[in-house]
């Protein structure tokens, strides 16, 4: 079983996402964070199957709102490094 820890940067990004959206729509802000949390739960179940973007650093894209979650697996801990909006370039 894995634990989850957020870097200071990821924690600030998580809060900022909610604050930015909540200015206009509190319900939607909560929905976005629930989707991010759901993606983190998926990481906990299958930590090694998501795309490796650097040695030991992986990422998952939340499928509905397209937030990118960058993380590292450290022994028994999933360390969330960053959370930000994913934008396709195509």
PDB file of N, CA and C in Angstrom:
ATOM      1  N   UNK A   1       0.845  -1.193   0.000  1.00  0.00           N
ATOM      2  CA  UNK A   1       0.000   0.000   0.000  1.00  0.00           C
ATOM      3  C   UNK A   1       0.876   1.237   0.000  1.00  0.00           C
ATOM      4  N   UNK A   2       0.533   2.188  -0.821  1.00  0.00           N
ATOM      5  CA  UNK A   2       1.293   3.420  -0.943  1.00  0.00           C
ATOM      6  C   UNK A   2       0.645   4.558  -0.152  1.00  0.00           C
ATOM      7  N   UNK A   3       1.481   5.442   0.338  1.00  0.00           N
ATOM      8  CA  UNK A   3       1.045   6.705   0.909  1.00  0.00           C
ATOM      9  C   UNK A   3       1.173   7.760  -0.180  1.00  0.00           C
ATOM     10  N   UNK A   4       0.526   8.891   0.010  1.00  0.00           N
ATOM     11  CA  UNK A   4       0.643  10.004  -0.929  1.00  0.00           C
ATOM     12  C   UNK A   4       1.185  11.208  -0.189  1.00  0.00           C
ATOM     13  N   UNK A   5       2.177  11.837  -0.786  1.00  0.00           N
ATOM     14  CA  UNK A   5       2.691  13.108  -0.277  1.00  0.00           C
ATOM     15  C   UNK A   5       2.747  14.090  -1.435  1.00  0.00           C
ATOM     16  N   UNK A   6       2.457  15.344  -1.143  1.00  0.00           N
ATOM     17  CA  UNK A   6       2.520  16.409  -2.135  1.00  0.00           C
ATOM     18  C   UNK A   6       3.748  17.266  -1.863  1.00  0.00           C
ATOM     19  N   UNK A   7       4.459  17.608  -2.932  1.00  0.00           N
ATOM     20  CA  UNK A   7       5.525  18.600  -2.768  1.00  0.00           C
ATOM     21  C   UNK A   7       4.857  19.930  -2.425  1.00  0.00           C
ATOM     22  N   UNK A   8       5.622  20.870  -1.911  1.00  0.00           N
ATOM     23  CA  UNK A   8       5.060  22.200  -1.617  1.00  0.00           C
ATOM     24  C   UNK A   8       4.468  22.814  -2.880  1.00  0.00           C
ATOM     25  N   UNK A   9       5.176  22.654  -3.997  1.00  0.00           N
ATOM     26  CA  UNK A   9       4.692  23.204  -5.270  1.00  0.00           C
ATOM     27  C   UNK A   9       3.361  22.569  -5.670  1.00  0.00           C
ATOM     28  N   UNK A  10       3.274  21.247  -5.596  1.00  0.00           N
ATOM     29  CA  UNK A  10       2.040  20.558  -5.968  1.00  0.00           C
ATOM     30  C   UNK A  10       0.885  20.947  -5.046  1.00  0.00           C
ATOM     31  N   UNK A  11       1.170  21.096  -3.777  1.00  0.00           N
ATOM     32  CA  UNK A  11       0.133  21.504  -2.825  1.00  0.00           C
ATOM     33  C   UNK A  11      -0.394  22.898  -3.164  1.00  0.00           C
ATOM     34  N   UNK A  12       0.509  23.816  -3.473  1.00  0.00           N
ATOM     35  CA  UNK A  12       0.089  25.172  -3.863  1.00  0.00           C
ATOM     36  C   UNK A  12      -0.694  25.153  -5.174  1.00  0.00           C
ATOM     37  N   UNK A  13      -0.280  24.330  -6.116  1.00  0.00           N
ATOM     38  CA  UNK A  13      -0.994  24.225  -7.396  1.00  0.00           C
ATOM     39  C   UNK A  13      -2.400  23.678  -7.182  1.00  0.00           C
ATOM     40  N   UNK A  14      -2.520  22.667  -6.342  1.00  0.00           N
ATOM     41  CA  UNK A  14      -3.818  22.055  -6.033  1.00  0.00           C
ATOM     42  C   UNK A  14      -4.771  23.109  -5.462  1.00  0.00           C
ATOM     43  N   UNK A  15      -4.283  23.866  -4.498  1.00  0.00           N
ATOM     44  CA  UNK A  15      -5.091  24.924  -3.880  1.00  0.00           C
ATOM     45  C   UNK A  15      -5.418  26.017  -4.897  1.00  0.00           C
ATOM     46  N   UNK A  16      -4.442  26.396  -5.699  1.00  0.00           N
ATOM     47  CA  UNK A  16      -4.645  27.454  -6.696  1.00  0.00           C
ATOM     48  C   UNK A  16      -5.679  27.063  -7.738  1.00  0.00           C
ATOM     49  N   UNK A  17      -5.665  25.803  -8.149  1.00  0.00           N
ATOM     50  CA  UNK A  17      -6.664  25.324  -9.115  1.00  0.00           C
ATOM     51  C   UNK A  17      -8.055  25.532  -8.544  1.00  0.00           C
ATOM     52  N   UNK A  18      -8.248  25.106  -7.297  1.00  0.00           N
ATOM     53  CA  UNK A  18      -9.558  25.244  -6.672  1.00  0.00           C
ATOM     54  C   UNK A  18      -9.948  26.720  -6.536  1.00  0.00           C
ATOM     55  N   UNK A  19      -9.022  27.539  -6.040  1.00  0.00           N
ATOM     56  CA  UNK A  19      -9.336  28.961  -5.830  1.00  0.00           C
ATOM     57  C   UNK A  19      -9.692  29.665  -7.136  1.00  0.00           C
ATOM     58  N   UNK A  20      -8.958  29.377  -8.188  1.00  0.00           N
ATOM     59  CA  UNK A  20      -9.201  30.027  -9.477  1.00  0.00           C
ATOM     60  C   UNK A  20     -10.588  29.675 -10.022  1.00  0.00           C
ATOM     61  N   UNK A  21     -10.935  28.402  -9.973  1.00  0.00           N
ATOM     62  CA  UNK A  21     -12.233  27.974 -10.501  1.00  0.00           C
ATOM     63  C   UNK A  21     -13.366  28.392  -9.578  1.00  0.00           C
ATOM     64  N   UNK A  22     -13.134  28.333  -8.269  1.00  0.00           N
ATOM     65  CA  UNK A  22     -14.184  28.638  -7.285  1.00  0.00           C
ATOM     66  C   UNK A  22     -14.634  30.094  -7.337  1.00  0.00           C
ATOM     67  N   UNK A  23     -13.789  30.986  -7.873  1.00  0.00           N
ATOM     68  CA  UNK A  23     -14.212  32.390  -8.010  1.00  0.00           C
ATOM     69  C   UNK A  23     -15.479  32.486  -8.847  1.00  0.00           C
ATOM     70  N   UNK A  24     -15.620  31.595  -9.824  1.00  0.00           N
ATOM     71  CA  UNK A  24     -16.777  31.627 -10.716  1.00  0.00           C
ATOM     72  C   UNK A  24     -17.798  30.533 -10.434  1.00  0.00           C
ATOM     73  N   UNK A  25     -17.310  29.371  -9.941  1.00  0.00           N
ATOM     74  CA  UNK A  25     -18.225  28.245  -9.810  1.00  0.00           C
ATOM     75  C   UNK A  25     -17.693  27.262  -8.760  1.00  0.00           C
ATOM     76  N   UNK A  26     -18.226  27.338  -7.578  1.00  0.00           N
ATOM     77  CA  UNK A  26     -17.784  26.498  -6.468  1.00  0.00           C
ATOM     78  C   UNK A  26     -18.027  25.016  -6.751  1.00  0.00           C
ATOM     79  N   UNK A  27     -19.180  24.694  -7.318  1.00  0.00           N
ATOM     80  CA  UNK A  27     -19.487  23.299  -7.634  1.00  0.00           C
ATOM     81  C   UNK A  27     -18.458  22.727  -8.605  1.00  0.00           C
ATOM     82  N   UNK A  28     -18.153  23.459  -9.662  1.00  0.00           N
ATOM     83  CA  UNK A  28     -17.204  22.988 -10.662  1.00  0.00           C
ATOM     84  C   UNK A  28     -15.802  22.865 -10.072  1.00  0.00           C
ATOM     85  N   UNK A  29     -15.427  23.788  -9.198  1.00  0.00           N
ATOM     86  CA  UNK A  29     -14.112  23.716  -8.547  1.00  0.00           C
ATOM     87  C   UNK A  29     -13.984  22.423  -7.756  1.00  0.00           C
ATOM     88  N   UNK A  30     -15.019  22.070  -7.026  1.00  0.00           N
ATOM     89  CA  UNK A  30     -15.011  20.822  -6.262  1.00  0.00           C
ATOM     90  C   UNK A  30     -14.984  19.607  -7.192  1.00  0.00           C
ATOM     91  N   UNK A  31     -15.705  19.686  -8.295  1.00  0.00           N
ATOM     92  CA  UNK A  31     -15.722  18.598  -9.270  1.00  0.00           C
ATOM     93  C   UNK A  31     -14.328  18.362  -9.862  1.00  0.00           C
ATOM     94  N   UNK A  32     -13.638  19.426 -10.212  1.00  0.00           N
ATOM     95  CA  UNK A  32     -12.285  19.295 -10.771  1.00  0.00           C
ATOM     96  C   UNK A  32     -11.352  18.647  -9.759  1.00  0.00           C
ATOM     97  N   UNK A  33     -11.386  19.094  -8.519  1.00  0.00           N
ATOM     98  CA  UNK A  33     -10.521  18.482  -7.505  1.00  0.00           C
ATOM     99  C   UNK A  33     -10.897  17.029  -7.243  1.00  0.00           C
ATOM    100  N   UNK A  34     -12.176  16.697  -7.301  1.00  0.00           N
ATOM    101  CA  UNK A  34     -12.584  15.299  -7.151  1.00  0.00           C
ATOM    102  C   UNK A  34     -11.997  14.448  -8.276  1.00  0.00           C
ATOM    103  N   UNK A  35     -11.964  14.995  -9.493  1.00  0.00           N
ATOM    104  CA  UNK A  35     -11.391  14.264 -10.631  1.00  0.00           C
ATOM    105  C   UNK A  35      -9.876  14.106 -10.474  1.00  0.00           C
ATOM    106  N   UNK A  36      -9.218  15.141  -9.989  1.00  0.00           N
ATOM    107  CA  UNK A  36      -7.778  15.047  -9.727  1.00  0.00           C
ATOM    108  C   UNK A  36      -7.525  13.997  -8.652  1.00  0.00           C
ATOM    109  N   UNK A  37      -8.306  14.031  -7.590  1.00  0.00           N
ATOM    110  CA  UNK A  37      -8.174  13.038  -6.513  1.00  0.00           C
ATOM    111  C   UNK A  37      -8.400  11.622  -7.041  1.00  0.00           C
ATOM    112  N   UNK A  38      -9.361  11.466  -7.929  1.00  0.00           N
ATOM    113  CA  UNK A  38      -9.642  10.162  -8.521  1.00  0.00           C
ATOM    114  C   UNK A  38      -8.444   9.659  -9.328  1.00  0.00           C
ATOM    115  N   UNK A  39      -7.795  10.553 -10.057  1.00  0.00           N
ATOM    116  CA  UNK A  39      -6.598  10.168 -10.808  1.00  0.00           C
ATOM    117  C   UNK A  39      -5.473   9.769  -9.867  1.00  0.00           C
ATOM    118  N   UNK A  40      -5.354  10.447  -8.749  1.00  0.00           N
ATOM    119  CA  UNK A  40      -4.332  10.082  -7.766  1.00  0.00           C
ATOM    120  C   UNK A  40      -4.644   8.707  -7.181  1.00  0.00           C
ATOM    121  N   UNK A  41      -5.908   8.398  -6.962  1.00  0.00           N
ATOM    122  CA  UNK A  41      -6.290   7.064  -6.497  1.00  0.00           C
ATOM    123  C   UNK A  41      -5.898   6.005  -7.534  1.00  0.00           C
ATOM    124  N   UNK A  42      -6.046   6.334  -8.808  1.00  0.00           N
ATOM    125  CA  UNK A  42      -5.637   5.413  -9.864  1.00  0.00           C
ATOM    126  C   UNK A  42      -4.129   5.183  -9.819  1.00  0.00           C
ATOM    127  N   UNK A  43      -3.375   6.240  -9.577  1.00  0.00           N
ATOM    128  CA  UNK A  43      -1.923   6.100  -9.435  1.00  0.00           C
ATOM    129  C   UNK A  43      -1.598   5.145  -8.287  1.00  0.00           C
ATOM    130  N   UNK A  44      -2.316   5.278  -7.185  1.00  0.00           N
ATOM    131  CA  UNK A  44      -2.073   4.412  -6.028  1.00  0.00           C
ATOM    132  C   UNK A  44      -2.286   2.936  -6.369  1.00  0.00           C
ATOM    133  N   UNK A  45      -3.259   2.663  -7.228  1.00  0.00           N
ATOM    134  CA  UNK A  45      -3.543   1.281  -7.597  1.00  0.00           C
ATOM    135  C   UNK A  45      -2.537   0.739  -8.610  1.00  0.00           C
ATOM    136  N   UNK A  46      -2.105   1.599  -9.528  1.00  0.00           N
ATOM    137  CA  UNK A  46      -1.226   1.180 -10.621  1.00  0.00           C
ATOM    138  C   UNK A  46      -0.095   2.196 -10.817  1.00  0.00           C
ATOM    139  N   UNK A  47       0.800   2.320  -9.872  1.00  0.00           N
ATOM    140  CA  UNK A  47       1.782   3.414  -9.913  1.00  0.00           C
ATOM    141  C   UNK A  47       2.794   3.339 -11.059  1.00  0.00           C
ATOM    142  N   UNK A  48       3.078   2.149 -11.555  1.00  0.00           N
ATOM    143  CA  UNK A  48       4.155   2.016 -12.524  1.00  0.00           C
ATOM    144  C   UNK A  48       3.693   1.956 -13.980  1.00  0.00           C
ATOM    145  N   UNK A  49       2.385   1.983 -14.237  1.00  0.00           N
ATOM    146  CA  UNK A  49       1.946   1.824 -15.623  1.00  0.00           C
ATOM    147  C   UNK A  49       1.826   3.136 -16.394  1.00  0.00           C
ATOM    148  N   UNK A  50       1.894   4.257 -15.711  1.00  0.00           N
ATOM    149  CA  UNK A  50       1.732   5.536 -16.400  1.00  0.00           C
ATOM    150  C   UNK A  50       3.043   5.960 -17.029  1.00  0.00           C
ATOM    151  N   UNK A  51       2.961   6.853 -17.954  1.00  0.00           N
ATOM    152  CA  UNK A  51       4.094   7.257 -18.789  1.00  0.00           C
ATOM    153  C   UNK A  51       5.261   7.786 -17.953  1.00  0.00           C
ATOM    154  N   UNK A  52       6.443   7.244 -18.211  1.00  0.00           N
ATOM    155  CA  UNK A  52       7.661   7.746 -17.571  1.00  0.00           C
ATOM    156  C   UNK A  52       8.199   8.883 -18.432  1.00  0.00           C
ATOM    157  N   UNK A  53       8.316  10.077 -17.855  1.00  0.00           N
ATOM    158  CA  UNK A  53       8.758  11.244 -18.611  1.00  0.00           C
ATOM    159  C   UNK A  53      10.208  11.601 -18.327  1.00  0.00           C
ATOM    160  N   UNK A  54      10.760  11.043 -17.288  1.00  0.00           N
ATOM    161  CA  UNK A  54      12.161  11.201 -16.924  1.00  0.00           C
ATOM    162  C   UNK A  54      12.486  10.019 -16.016  1.00  0.00           C
ATOM    163  N   UNK A  55      13.727   9.796 -15.750  1.00  0.00           N
ATOM    164  CA  UNK A  55      14.090   8.636 -14.939  1.00  0.00           C
ATOM    165  C   UNK A  55      13.397   8.694 -13.573  1.00  0.00           C
ATOM    166  N   UNK A  56      12.469   7.764 -13.362  1.00  0.00           N
ATOM    167  CA  UNK A  56      11.747   7.680 -12.094  1.00  0.00           C
ATOM    168  C   UNK A  56      10.588   8.652 -11.955  1.00  0.00           C
ATOM    169  N   UNK A  57      10.403   9.534 -12.924  1.00  0.00           N
ATOM    170  CA  UNK A  57       9.317  10.529 -12.873  1.00  0.00           C
ATOM    171  C   UNK A  57       8.243  10.112 -13.875  1.00  0.00           C
ATOM    172  N   UNK A  58       7.019  10.043 -13.409  1.00  0.00           N
ATOM    173  CA  UNK A  58       5.905   9.605 -14.257  1.00  0.00           C
ATOM    174  C   UNK A  58       4.803  10.654 -14.266  1.00  0.00           C
ATOM    175  N   UNK A  59       3.880  10.476 -15.209  1.00  0.00           N
ATOM    176  CA  UNK A  59       2.746  11.397 -15.263  1.00  0.00           C
ATOM    177  C   UNK A  59       1.498  10.676 -15.721  1.00  0.00           C
ATOM    178  N   UNK A  60       0.396  11.221 -15.259  1.00  0.00           N
ATOM    179  CA  UNK A  60      -0.925  10.772 -15.682  1.00  0.00           C
ATOM    180  C   UNK A  60      -1.705  12.031 -16.043  1.00  0.00           C
ATOM    181  N   UNK A  61      -2.551  11.938 -17.052  1.00  0.00           N
ATOM    182  CA  UNK A  61      -3.412  13.064 -17.414  1.00  0.00           C
ATOM    183  C   UNK A  61      -4.825  12.712 -16.986  1.00  0.00           C
ATOM    184  N   UNK A  62      -5.391  13.544 -16.123  1.00  0.00           N
ATOM    185  CA  UNK A  62      -6.771  13.357 -15.676  1.00  0.00           C
ATOM    186  C   UNK A  62      -7.644  13.443 -16.937  1.00  0.00           C
ATOM    187  N   UNK A  63      -8.481  12.427 -17.215  1.00  0.00           N
ATOM    188  CA  UNK A  63      -9.110  12.316 -18.530  1.00  0.00           C
ATOM    189  C   UNK A  63     -10.224  13.312 -18.851  1.00  0.00           C
ATOM    190  N   UNK A  64     -10.889  13.856 -17.882  1.00  0.00           N
ATOM    191  CA  UNK A  64     -12.026  14.748 -18.167  1.00  0.00           C
ATOM    192  C   UNK A  64     -11.579  16.195 -18.366  1.00  0.00           C
ATOM    193  N   UNK A  65     -10.860  16.740 -17.400  1.00  0.00           N
ATOM    194  CA  UNK A  65     -10.487  18.157 -17.434  1.00  0.00           C
ATOM    195  C   UNK A  65      -9.040  18.390 -17.847  1.00  0.00           C
ATOM    196  N   UNK A  66      -8.309  17.305 -18.105  1.00  0.00           N
ATOM    197  CA  UNK A  66      -6.960  17.351 -18.675  1.00  0.00           C
ATOM    198  C   UNK A  66      -5.917  18.015 -17.778  1.00  0.00           C
ATOM    199  N   UNK A  67      -5.965  17.710 -16.491  1.00  0.00           N
ATOM    200  CA  UNK A  67      -4.899  18.152 -15.596  1.00  0.00           C
ATOM    201  C   UNK A  67      -3.803  17.094 -15.577  1.00  0.00           C
ATOM    202  N   UNK A  68      -2.581  17.544 -15.701  1.00  0.00           N
ATOM    203  CA  UNK A  68      -1.428  16.653 -15.705  1.00  0.00           C
ATOM    204  C   UNK A  68      -0.913  16.534 -14.270  1.00  0.00           C
ATOM    205  N   UNK A  69      -0.715  15.301 -13.820  1.00  0.00           N
ATOM    206  CA  UNK A  69      -0.202  15.038 -12.479  1.00  0.00           C
ATOM    207  C   UNK A  69       1.146  14.349 -12.653  1.00  0.00           C
ATOM    208  N   UNK A  70       2.187  15.008 -12.193  1.00  0.00           N
ATOM    209  CA  UNK A  70       3.544  14.486 -12.304  1.00  0.00           C
ATOM    210  C   UNK A  70       3.928  13.958 -10.924  1.00  0.00           C
ATOM    211  N   UNK A  71       4.463  12.717 -10.913  1.00  0.00           N
ATOM    212  CA  UNK A  71       4.745  12.092  -9.622  1.00  0.00           C
ATOM    213  C   UNK A  71       5.974  11.195  -9.703  1.00  0.00           C
ATOM    214  N   UNK A  72       6.436  10.814  -8.525  1.00  0.00           N
ATOM    215  CA  UNK A  72       7.561   9.910  -8.389  1.00  0.00           C
ATOM    216  C   UNK A  72       7.182   8.838  -7.376  1.00  0.00           C
ATOM    217  N   UNK A  73       7.553   7.605  -7.674  1.00  0.00           N
ATOM    218  CA  UNK A  73       7.316   6.506  -6.743  1.00  0.00           C
ATOM    219  C   UNK A  73       8.577   6.337  -5.908  1.00  0.00           C
ATOM    220  N   UNK A  74       8.417   6.475  -4.604  1.00  0.00           N
ATOM    221  CA  UNK A  74       9.532   6.329  -3.668  1.00  0.00           C
ATOM    222  C   UNK A  74       9.191   5.256  -2.643  1.00  0.00           C
ATOM    223  N   UNK A  75       9.738   4.080  -2.824  1.00  0.00           N
ATOM    224  CA  UNK A  75       9.539   2.912  -1.975  1.00  0.00           C
ATOM    225  C   UNK A  75       8.047   2.667  -1.722  1.00  0.00           C
ATOM    226  N   UNK A  76       7.471   3.255  -0.665  1.00  0.00           N
ATOM    227  CA  UNK A  76       6.061   3.038  -0.357  1.00  0.00           C
ATOM    228  C   UNK A  76       5.255   4.333  -0.418  1.00  0.00           C
ATOM    229  N   UNK A  77       5.800   5.340  -1.123  1.00  0.00           N
ATOM    230  CA  UNK A  77       5.145   6.643  -1.186  1.00  0.00           C
ATOM    231  C   UNK A  77       5.047   7.131  -2.626  1.00  0.00           C
ATOM    232  N   UNK A  78       3.883   7.635  -2.977  1.00  0.00           N
ATOM    233  CA  UNK A  78       3.694   8.348  -4.238  1.00  0.00           C
ATOM    234  C   UNK A  78       3.891   9.818  -3.899  1.00  0.00           C
ATOM    235  N   UNK A  79       4.911  10.416  -4.492  1.00  0.00           N
ATOM    236  CA  UNK A  79       5.245  11.802  -4.209  1.00  0.00           C
ATOM    237  C   UNK A  79       4.790  12.648  -5.392  1.00  0.00           C
ATOM    238  N   UNK A  80       3.709  13.412  -5.204  1.00  0.00           N
ATOM    239  CA  UNK A  80       3.162  14.249  -6.268  1.00  0.00           C
ATOM    240  C   UNK A  80       4.031  15.496  -6.375  1.00  0.00           C
ATOM    241  N   UNK A  81       4.613  15.688  -7.554  1.00  0.00           N
ATOM    242  CA  UNK A  81       5.539  16.791  -7.773  1.00  0.00           C
ATOM    243  C   UNK A  81       4.868  18.033  -8.319  1.00  0.00           C
ATOM    244  N   UNK A  82       3.873  17.846  -9.197  1.00  0.00           N
ATOM    245  CA  UNK A  82       3.254  18.996  -9.850  1.00  0.00           C
ATOM    246  C   UNK A  82       1.886  18.616 -10.398  1.00  0.00           C
ATOM    247  N   UNK A  83       0.986  19.591 -10.444  1.00  0.00           N
ATOM    248  CA  UNK A  83      -0.350  19.427 -11.027  1.00  0.00           C
ATOM    249  C   UNK A  83      -0.628  20.677 -11.837  1.00  0.00           C
ATOM    250  N   UNK A  84      -0.908  20.503 -13.110  1.00  0.00           N
ATOM    251  CA  UNK A  84      -1.208  21.668 -13.938  1.00  0.00           C
ATOM    252  C   UNK A  84      -2.063  21.283 -15.126  1.00  0.00           C
ATOM    253  N   UNK A  85      -2.661  22.286 -15.752  1.00  0.00           N
ATOM    254  CA  UNK A  85      -3.542  22.063 -16.888  1.00  0.00           C
ATOM    255  C   UNK A  85      -2.743  21.588 -18.084  1.00  0.00           C
ATOM    256  N   UNK A  86      -3.175  20.501 -18.677  1.00  0.00           N
ATOM    257  CA  UNK A  86      -2.523  19.916 -19.846  1.00  0.00           C
ATOM    258  C   UNK A  86      -3.161  20.510 -21.093  1.00  0.00           C
ATOM    259  N   UNK A  87      -2.332  21.021 -21.982  1.00  0.00           N
ATOM    260  CA  UNK A  87      -2.842  21.591 -23.219  1.00  0.00           C
ATOM    261  C   UNK A  87      -2.251  20.822 -24.398  1.00  0.00           C
ATOM    262  N   UNK A  88      -3.119  20.332 -25.253  1.00  0.00           N
ATOM    263  CA  UNK A  88      -2.643  19.689 -26.475  1.00  0.00           C
ATOM    264  C   UNK A  88      -2.064  20.737 -27.403  1.00  0.00           C
ATOM    265  N   UNK A  89      -1.036  20.352 -28.118  1.00  0.00           N
ATOM    266  CA  UNK A  89      -0.444  21.273 -29.078  1.00  0.00           C
ATOM    267  C   UNK A  89      -0.923  20.995 -30.492  1.00  0.00           C
ATOM    268  N   UNK A  90      -1.833  20.052 -30.644  1.00  0.00           N
ATOM    269  CA  UNK A  90      -2.354  19.736 -31.965  1.00  0.00           C
ATOM    270  C   UNK A  90      -3.789  20.038 -32.089  1.00  0.00           C
TER     271      UNK A  90
END
